């Protein structure tokens, strides 16, 4: 779990880092084919969620880094922007899980670096050209951006948990134990390829 912290910023970044790492755990030990699969009723895949987790952070961090100004405008037509956004949820046939995870780790580090340097009260202006952003608010703050990323990543980490369990029965804590080298205990055994699904469930 995120460790106790002495400041508001440390607490926010610890919780953000915990949600970032959830995607690394959910993808642990999967093949490209498994990562691309959609075994639940959802159209989402582990690979697509890993890809989106990097992309959504990149977009918000660009806004926070440029604040209190806007980032450079996107010159693409809205149709192209929307198509790229939709593609962000899909692991393409030419993409590998290792490559997507490398990009996610790099973005995770960059997110924590930039958000660790910006004043939490810095206003982050709201673009008016994006139709799903509010019209009755002029700006967010860097603090709000961090909280939003925690919300966004935690929601999709839950999606990843269900999809991974649908693939091979593996659950979050046994995957974290395997990915991070936790010692085996009577109540938690690190995931291993081909093992029987655990009878315990993450809280």
C-alpha atoms as a PDB file:
ATOM      1  CA  UNK A   1       0.000   0.000   0.000  1.00  0.00           C
ATOM      2  CA  UNK A   2       1.146   3.612  -0.422  1.00  0.00           C
ATOM      3  CA  UNK A   3       3.368   4.508   2.551  1.00  0.00           C
ATOM      4  CA  UNK A   4       2.577   7.297   5.034  1.00  0.00           C
ATOM      5  CA  UNK A   5       3.932  10.661   3.934  1.00  0.00           C
ATOM      6  CA  UNK A   6       4.814  13.929   5.590  1.00  0.00           C
ATOM      7  CA  UNK A   7       3.340  16.296   3.027  1.00  0.00           C
ATOM      8  CA  UNK A   8       0.275  16.539   0.821  1.00  0.00           C
ATOM      9  CA  UNK A   9       2.386  16.275  -2.341  1.00  0.00           C
ATOM     10  CA  UNK A  10       4.145  13.133  -1.126  1.00  0.00           C
ATOM     11  CA  UNK A  11       0.800  11.511  -0.288  1.00  0.00           C
ATOM     12  CA  UNK A  12      -0.662  12.359  -3.692  1.00  0.00           C
ATOM     13  CA  UNK A  13       2.372  11.063  -5.570  1.00  0.00           C
ATOM     14  CA  UNK A  14       2.557   7.869  -3.488  1.00  0.00           C
ATOM     15  CA  UNK A  15      -1.069   7.060  -4.304  1.00  0.00           C
ATOM     16  CA  UNK A  16      -0.514   7.932  -7.956  1.00  0.00           C
ATOM     17  CA  UNK A  17       2.556   5.675  -8.136  1.00  0.00           C
ATOM     18  CA  UNK A  18       0.586   2.805  -6.599  1.00  0.00           C
ATOM     19  CA  UNK A  19      -2.020   3.030  -9.353  1.00  0.00           C
ATOM     20  CA  UNK A  20       0.680   3.346 -12.028  1.00  0.00           C
ATOM     21  CA  UNK A  21       2.258   0.109 -10.832  1.00  0.00           C
ATOM     22  CA  UNK A  22      -1.065  -1.755 -10.888  1.00  0.00           C
ATOM     23  CA  UNK A  23      -0.809  -2.035 -14.674  1.00  0.00           C
ATOM     24  CA  UNK A  24       2.690  -3.513 -14.471  1.00  0.00           C
ATOM     25  CA  UNK A  25       1.347  -6.193 -12.132  1.00  0.00           C
ATOM     26  CA  UNK A  26      -1.776  -6.911 -14.204  1.00  0.00           C
ATOM     27  CA  UNK A  27       0.383  -7.516 -17.289  1.00  0.00           C
ATOM     28  CA  UNK A  28       3.016  -9.616 -15.511  1.00  0.00           C
ATOM     29  CA  UNK A  29       3.803 -12.893 -17.246  1.00  0.00           C
ATOM     30  CA  UNK A  30       1.426 -12.459 -20.181  1.00  0.00           C
ATOM     31  CA  UNK A  31       2.268 -13.251 -23.775  1.00  0.00           C
ATOM     32  CA  UNK A  32       1.525 -10.722 -26.512  1.00  0.00           C
ATOM     33  CA  UNK A  33      -1.437 -12.846 -27.575  1.00  0.00           C
ATOM     34  CA  UNK A  34      -2.860 -12.881 -24.046  1.00  0.00           C
ATOM     35  CA  UNK A  35      -2.257  -9.159 -23.613  1.00  0.00           C
ATOM     36  CA  UNK A  36      -4.133  -8.469 -26.854  1.00  0.00           C
ATOM     37  CA  UNK A  37      -7.057 -10.755 -25.963  1.00  0.00           C
ATOM     38  CA  UNK A  38     -10.472  -9.551 -24.774  1.00  0.00           C
ATOM     39  CA  UNK A  39     -11.715 -12.437 -22.583  1.00  0.00           C
ATOM     40  CA  UNK A  40     -14.433 -10.537 -20.704  1.00  0.00           C
ATOM     41  CA  UNK A  41     -17.623  -8.870 -21.912  1.00  0.00           C
ATOM     42  CA  UNK A  42     -15.573  -5.689 -22.334  1.00  0.00           C
ATOM     43  CA  UNK A  43     -13.756  -4.805 -25.557  1.00  0.00           C
ATOM     44  CA  UNK A  44     -10.745  -3.804 -23.456  1.00  0.00           C
ATOM     45  CA  UNK A  45      -7.512  -5.789 -23.235  1.00  0.00           C
ATOM     46  CA  UNK A  46      -4.578  -5.659 -20.843  1.00  0.00           C
ATOM     47  CA  UNK A  47      -2.342  -4.360 -23.621  1.00  0.00           C
ATOM     48  CA  UNK A  48      -4.857  -1.681 -24.547  1.00  0.00           C
ATOM     49  CA  UNK A  49      -5.158  -0.564 -20.936  1.00  0.00           C
ATOM     50  CA  UNK A  50      -1.374  -0.400 -20.539  1.00  0.00           C
ATOM     51  CA  UNK A  51      -1.263   1.726 -23.697  1.00  0.00           C
ATOM     52  CA  UNK A  52      -4.065   3.997 -22.456  1.00  0.00           C
ATOM     53  CA  UNK A  53      -2.492   4.378 -18.999  1.00  0.00           C
ATOM     54  CA  UNK A  54       0.571   5.885 -20.666  1.00  0.00           C
ATOM     55  CA  UNK A  55      -1.416   8.033 -23.074  1.00  0.00           C
ATOM     56  CA  UNK A  56      -3.801   9.553 -20.554  1.00  0.00           C
ATOM     57  CA  UNK A  57      -0.910  10.489 -18.293  1.00  0.00           C
ATOM     58  CA  UNK A  58       0.980  12.048 -21.188  1.00  0.00           C
ATOM     59  CA  UNK A  59      -1.932  14.307 -22.118  1.00  0.00           C
ATOM     60  CA  UNK A  60      -2.571  15.561 -18.596  1.00  0.00           C
ATOM     61  CA  UNK A  61       1.116  15.989 -17.765  1.00  0.00           C
ATOM     62  CA  UNK A  62       1.599  18.109 -20.893  1.00  0.00           C
ATOM     63  CA  UNK A  63      -1.156  20.409 -19.623  1.00  0.00           C
ATOM     64  CA  UNK A  64       0.288  20.539 -16.112  1.00  0.00           C
ATOM     65  CA  UNK A  65       3.819  21.175 -17.391  1.00  0.00           C
ATOM     66  CA  UNK A  66       2.670  24.127 -19.520  1.00  0.00           C
ATOM     67  CA  UNK A  67       0.484  25.636 -16.783  1.00  0.00           C
ATOM     68  CA  UNK A  68      -0.507  28.387 -16.219  1.00  0.00           C
ATOM     69  CA  UNK A  69      -0.321  28.587 -20.025  1.00  0.00           C
ATOM     70  CA  UNK A  70      -1.821  26.202 -22.561  1.00  0.00           C
ATOM     71  CA  UNK A  71       0.408  23.536 -24.135  1.00  0.00           C
ATOM     72  CA  UNK A  72       1.131  23.942 -27.857  1.00  0.00           C
ATOM     73  CA  UNK A  73      -2.110  23.461 -29.842  1.00  0.00           C
ATOM     74  CA  UNK A  74      -2.776  20.163 -31.576  1.00  0.00           C
ATOM     75  CA  UNK A  75      -2.909  21.008 -35.312  1.00  0.00           C
ATOM     76  CA  UNK A  76      -4.832  17.854 -36.259  1.00  0.00           C
ATOM     77  CA  UNK A  77      -8.531  17.983 -37.188  1.00  0.00           C
ATOM     78  CA  UNK A  78     -10.874  16.767 -34.424  1.00  0.00           C
ATOM     79  CA  UNK A  79     -11.722  13.603 -36.396  1.00  0.00           C
ATOM     80  CA  UNK A  80      -8.056  12.620 -36.405  1.00  0.00           C
ATOM     81  CA  UNK A  81      -7.706  13.436 -32.718  1.00  0.00           C
ATOM     82  CA  UNK A  82     -10.719  11.251 -31.904  1.00  0.00           C
ATOM     83  CA  UNK A  83      -9.382   8.385 -34.029  1.00  0.00           C
ATOM     84  CA  UNK A  84      -6.051   8.533 -32.203  1.00  0.00           C
ATOM     85  CA  UNK A  85      -7.888   8.570 -28.875  1.00  0.00           C
ATOM     86  CA  UNK A  86      -9.853   5.438 -29.826  1.00  0.00           C
ATOM     87  CA  UNK A  87      -6.660   3.698 -30.981  1.00  0.00           C
ATOM     88  CA  UNK A  88      -5.136   4.406 -27.567  1.00  0.00           C
ATOM     89  CA  UNK A  89      -7.339   1.669 -26.077  1.00  0.00           C
ATOM     90  CA  UNK A  90      -6.282  -1.022 -28.564  1.00  0.00           C
ATOM     91  CA  UNK A  91      -3.082  -3.070 -28.657  1.00  0.00           C
ATOM     92  CA  UNK A  92      -2.304  -3.178 -32.358  1.00  0.00           C
ATOM     93  CA  UNK A  93      -1.049  -6.272 -34.209  1.00  0.00           C
ATOM     94  CA  UNK A  94       2.392  -4.706 -34.612  1.00  0.00           C
ATOM     95  CA  UNK A  95       2.728  -3.743 -30.939  1.00  0.00           C
ATOM     96  CA  UNK A  96       4.335  -5.860 -28.229  1.00  0.00           C
ATOM     97  CA  UNK A  97       3.515  -5.966 -24.545  1.00  0.00           C
ATOM     98  CA  UNK A  98       7.185  -5.382 -23.695  1.00  0.00           C
ATOM     99  CA  UNK A  99       7.225  -2.247 -25.831  1.00  0.00           C
ATOM    100  CA  UNK A 100       4.013  -0.921 -24.312  1.00  0.00           C
ATOM    101  CA  UNK A 101       5.294  -1.575 -20.791  1.00  0.00           C
ATOM    102  CA  UNK A 102       8.559   0.221 -21.545  1.00  0.00           C
ATOM    103  CA  UNK A 103       6.589   3.261 -22.695  1.00  0.00           C
ATOM    104  CA  UNK A 104       4.390   3.090 -19.606  1.00  0.00           C
ATOM    105  CA  UNK A 105       7.362   2.915 -17.229  1.00  0.00           C
ATOM    106  CA  UNK A 106       8.987   5.886 -18.940  1.00  0.00           C
ATOM    107  CA  UNK A 107       5.752   7.885 -18.763  1.00  0.00           C
ATOM    108  CA  UNK A 108       5.192   6.916 -15.126  1.00  0.00           C
ATOM    109  CA  UNK A 109       8.592   8.321 -14.221  1.00  0.00           C
ATOM    110  CA  UNK A 110       8.036  11.495 -16.241  1.00  0.00           C
ATOM    111  CA  UNK A 111       4.611  12.004 -14.667  1.00  0.00           C
ATOM    112  CA  UNK A 112       5.993  11.764 -11.146  1.00  0.00           C
ATOM    113  CA  UNK A 113       8.917  14.042 -12.011  1.00  0.00           C
ATOM    114  CA  UNK A 114       6.846  16.861 -13.489  1.00  0.00           C
ATOM    115  CA  UNK A 115       4.030  16.685 -10.958  1.00  0.00           C
ATOM    116  CA  UNK A 116       6.630  16.561  -8.206  1.00  0.00           C
ATOM    117  CA  UNK A 117       8.038  19.913  -9.340  1.00  0.00           C
ATOM    118  CA  UNK A 118       4.925  21.989 -10.110  1.00  0.00           C
ATOM    119  CA  UNK A 119       3.215  24.127  -7.474  1.00  0.00           C
ATOM    120  CA  UNK A 120       0.010  22.268  -6.576  1.00  0.00           C
ATOM    121  CA  UNK A 121      -2.017  25.484  -6.808  1.00  0.00           C
ATOM    122  CA  UNK A 122      -0.845  26.377 -10.329  1.00  0.00           C
ATOM    123  CA  UNK A 123      -3.945  26.935 -12.509  1.00  0.00           C
ATOM    124  CA  UNK A 124      -4.282  24.537 -15.432  1.00  0.00           C
ATOM    125  CA  UNK A 125      -6.456  26.298 -18.064  1.00  0.00           C
ATOM    126  CA  UNK A 126      -9.355  24.394 -19.598  1.00  0.00           C
ATOM    127  CA  UNK A 127      -9.368  24.254 -23.409  1.00  0.00           C
ATOM    128  CA  UNK A 128     -12.659  25.304 -24.943  1.00  0.00           C
ATOM    129  CA  UNK A 129     -12.223  23.380 -28.190  1.00  0.00           C
ATOM    130  CA  UNK A 130     -12.544  19.953 -26.526  1.00  0.00           C
ATOM    131  CA  UNK A 131     -16.264  19.177 -26.301  1.00  0.00           C
ATOM    132  CA  UNK A 132     -16.227  16.992 -23.175  1.00  0.00           C
ATOM    133  CA  UNK A 133     -14.453  19.534 -20.953  1.00  0.00           C
ATOM    134  CA  UNK A 134     -16.613  21.818 -18.740  1.00  0.00           C
ATOM    135  CA  UNK A 135     -17.808  25.214 -19.959  1.00  0.00           C
ATOM    136  CA  UNK A 136     -18.513  26.695 -16.540  1.00  0.00           C
ATOM    137  CA  UNK A 137     -14.947  26.398 -15.143  1.00  0.00           C
ATOM    138  CA  UNK A 138     -11.944  28.403 -16.309  1.00  0.00           C
ATOM    139  CA  UNK A 139      -9.151  26.239 -14.911  1.00  0.00           C
ATOM    140  CA  UNK A 140      -8.223  23.245 -12.809  1.00  0.00           C
ATOM    141  CA  UNK A 141      -5.132  23.105 -10.599  1.00  0.00           C
ATOM    142  CA  UNK A 142      -2.101  20.805 -10.640  1.00  0.00           C
ATOM    143  CA  UNK A 143      -3.519  19.270  -7.446  1.00  0.00           C
ATOM    144  CA  UNK A 144      -6.761  18.505  -9.317  1.00  0.00           C
ATOM    145  CA  UNK A 145      -4.798  16.957 -12.187  1.00  0.00           C
ATOM    146  CA  UNK A 146      -3.015  14.570  -9.809  1.00  0.00           C
ATOM    147  CA  UNK A 147      -6.301  13.571  -8.178  1.00  0.00           C
ATOM    148  CA  UNK A 148      -7.890  13.079 -11.594  1.00  0.00           C
ATOM    149  CA  UNK A 149      -5.043  10.818 -12.702  1.00  0.00           C
ATOM    150  CA  UNK A 150      -5.420   8.761  -9.518  1.00  0.00           C
ATOM    151  CA  UNK A 151      -9.130   8.431 -10.303  1.00  0.00           C
ATOM    152  CA  UNK A 152      -8.552   7.608 -13.974  1.00  0.00           C
ATOM    153  CA  UNK A 153      -5.831   5.040 -13.364  1.00  0.00           C
ATOM    154  CA  UNK A 154      -7.617   3.367 -10.459  1.00  0.00           C
ATOM    155  CA  UNK A 155     -10.757   2.910 -12.561  1.00  0.00           C
ATOM    156  CA  UNK A 156      -8.794   1.280 -15.362  1.00  0.00           C
ATOM    157  CA  UNK A 157      -6.665  -0.749 -12.939  1.00  0.00           C
ATOM    158  CA  UNK A 158      -9.925  -2.325 -11.791  1.00  0.00           C
ATOM    159  CA  UNK A 159     -10.748  -3.128 -15.398  1.00  0.00           C
ATOM    160  CA  UNK A 160      -7.295  -4.697 -15.760  1.00  0.00           C
ATOM    161  CA  UNK A 161      -7.807  -6.833 -12.641  1.00  0.00           C
ATOM    162  CA  UNK A 162     -11.020  -8.340 -14.029  1.00  0.00           C
ATOM    163  CA  UNK A 163      -9.565  -8.926 -17.498  1.00  0.00           C
ATOM    164  CA  UNK A 164      -6.435 -10.577 -16.095  1.00  0.00           C
ATOM    165  CA  UNK A 165      -8.489 -12.850 -13.845  1.00  0.00           C
ATOM    166  CA  UNK A 166     -10.578 -13.776 -16.890  1.00  0.00           C
ATOM    167  CA  UNK A 167      -7.400 -14.813 -18.746  1.00  0.00           C
ATOM    168  CA  UNK A 168      -5.784 -17.148 -16.219  1.00  0.00           C
ATOM    169  CA  UNK A 169      -7.358 -16.641 -12.788  1.00  0.00           C
ATOM    170  CA  UNK A 170      -4.464 -14.545 -11.465  1.00  0.00           C
ATOM    171  CA  UNK A 171      -5.325 -11.781  -8.991  1.00  0.00           C
ATOM    172  CA  UNK A 172      -3.585  -8.541  -8.067  1.00  0.00           C
ATOM    173  CA  UNK A 173      -1.648  -9.394  -4.922  1.00  0.00           C
ATOM    174  CA  UNK A 174      -0.217 -12.670  -6.206  1.00  0.00           C
ATOM    175  CA  UNK A 175       0.823 -10.847  -9.391  1.00  0.00           C
ATOM    176  CA  UNK A 176       2.396  -8.009  -7.388  1.00  0.00           C
ATOM    177  CA  UNK A 177       4.198 -10.592  -5.263  1.00  0.00           C
ATOM    178  CA  UNK A 178       5.637 -12.220  -8.381  1.00  0.00           C
ATOM    179  CA  UNK A 179       6.504  -8.945 -10.123  1.00  0.00           C
ATOM    180  CA  UNK A 180       8.177  -7.442  -7.043  1.00  0.00           C
ATOM    181  CA  UNK A 181       9.743 -10.591  -5.566  1.00  0.00           C
ATOM    182  CA  UNK A 182       7.761 -10.824  -2.346  1.00  0.00           C
ATOM    183  CA  UNK A 183       8.527 -13.867  -0.158  1.00  0.00           C
ATOM    184  CA  UNK A 184       5.969 -16.660  -0.188  1.00  0.00           C
ATOM    185  CA  UNK A 185       3.737 -16.974   2.879  1.00  0.00           C
ATOM    186  CA  UNK A 186       0.953 -19.314   3.970  1.00  0.00           C
ATOM    187  CA  UNK A 187      -1.670 -16.804   2.863  1.00  0.00           C
ATOM    188  CA  UNK A 188      -0.021 -15.405  -0.282  1.00  0.00           C
ATOM    189  CA  UNK A 189       1.918 -17.272  -2.922  1.00  0.00           C
ATOM    190  CA  UNK A 190       3.481 -15.345  -5.816  1.00  0.00           C
ATOM    191  CA  UNK A 191       1.915 -16.126  -9.190  1.00  0.00           C
ATOM    192  CA  UNK A 192       3.664 -18.702 -11.354  1.00  0.00           C
ATOM    193  CA  UNK A 193       2.870 -19.660 -14.948  1.00  0.00           C
ATOM    194  CA  UNK A 194       0.373 -22.519 -15.130  1.00  0.00           C
ATOM    195  CA  UNK A 195      -0.632 -22.430 -11.470  1.00  0.00           C
ATOM    196  CA  UNK A 196      -4.198 -23.102 -10.410  1.00  0.00           C
ATOM    197  CA  UNK A 197      -6.317 -19.990  -9.753  1.00  0.00           C
ATOM    198  CA  UNK A 198      -6.068 -18.709  -6.180  1.00  0.00           C
ATOM    199  CA  UNK A 199      -9.089 -19.121  -3.924  1.00  0.00           C
ATOM    200  CA  UNK A 200      -8.330 -15.760  -2.279  1.00  0.00           C
ATOM    201  CA  UNK A 201      -9.375 -12.442  -3.775  1.00  0.00           C
ATOM    202  CA  UNK A 202      -7.780  -8.993  -3.524  1.00  0.00           C
ATOM    203  CA  UNK A 203      -9.483  -6.480  -1.255  1.00  0.00           C
END
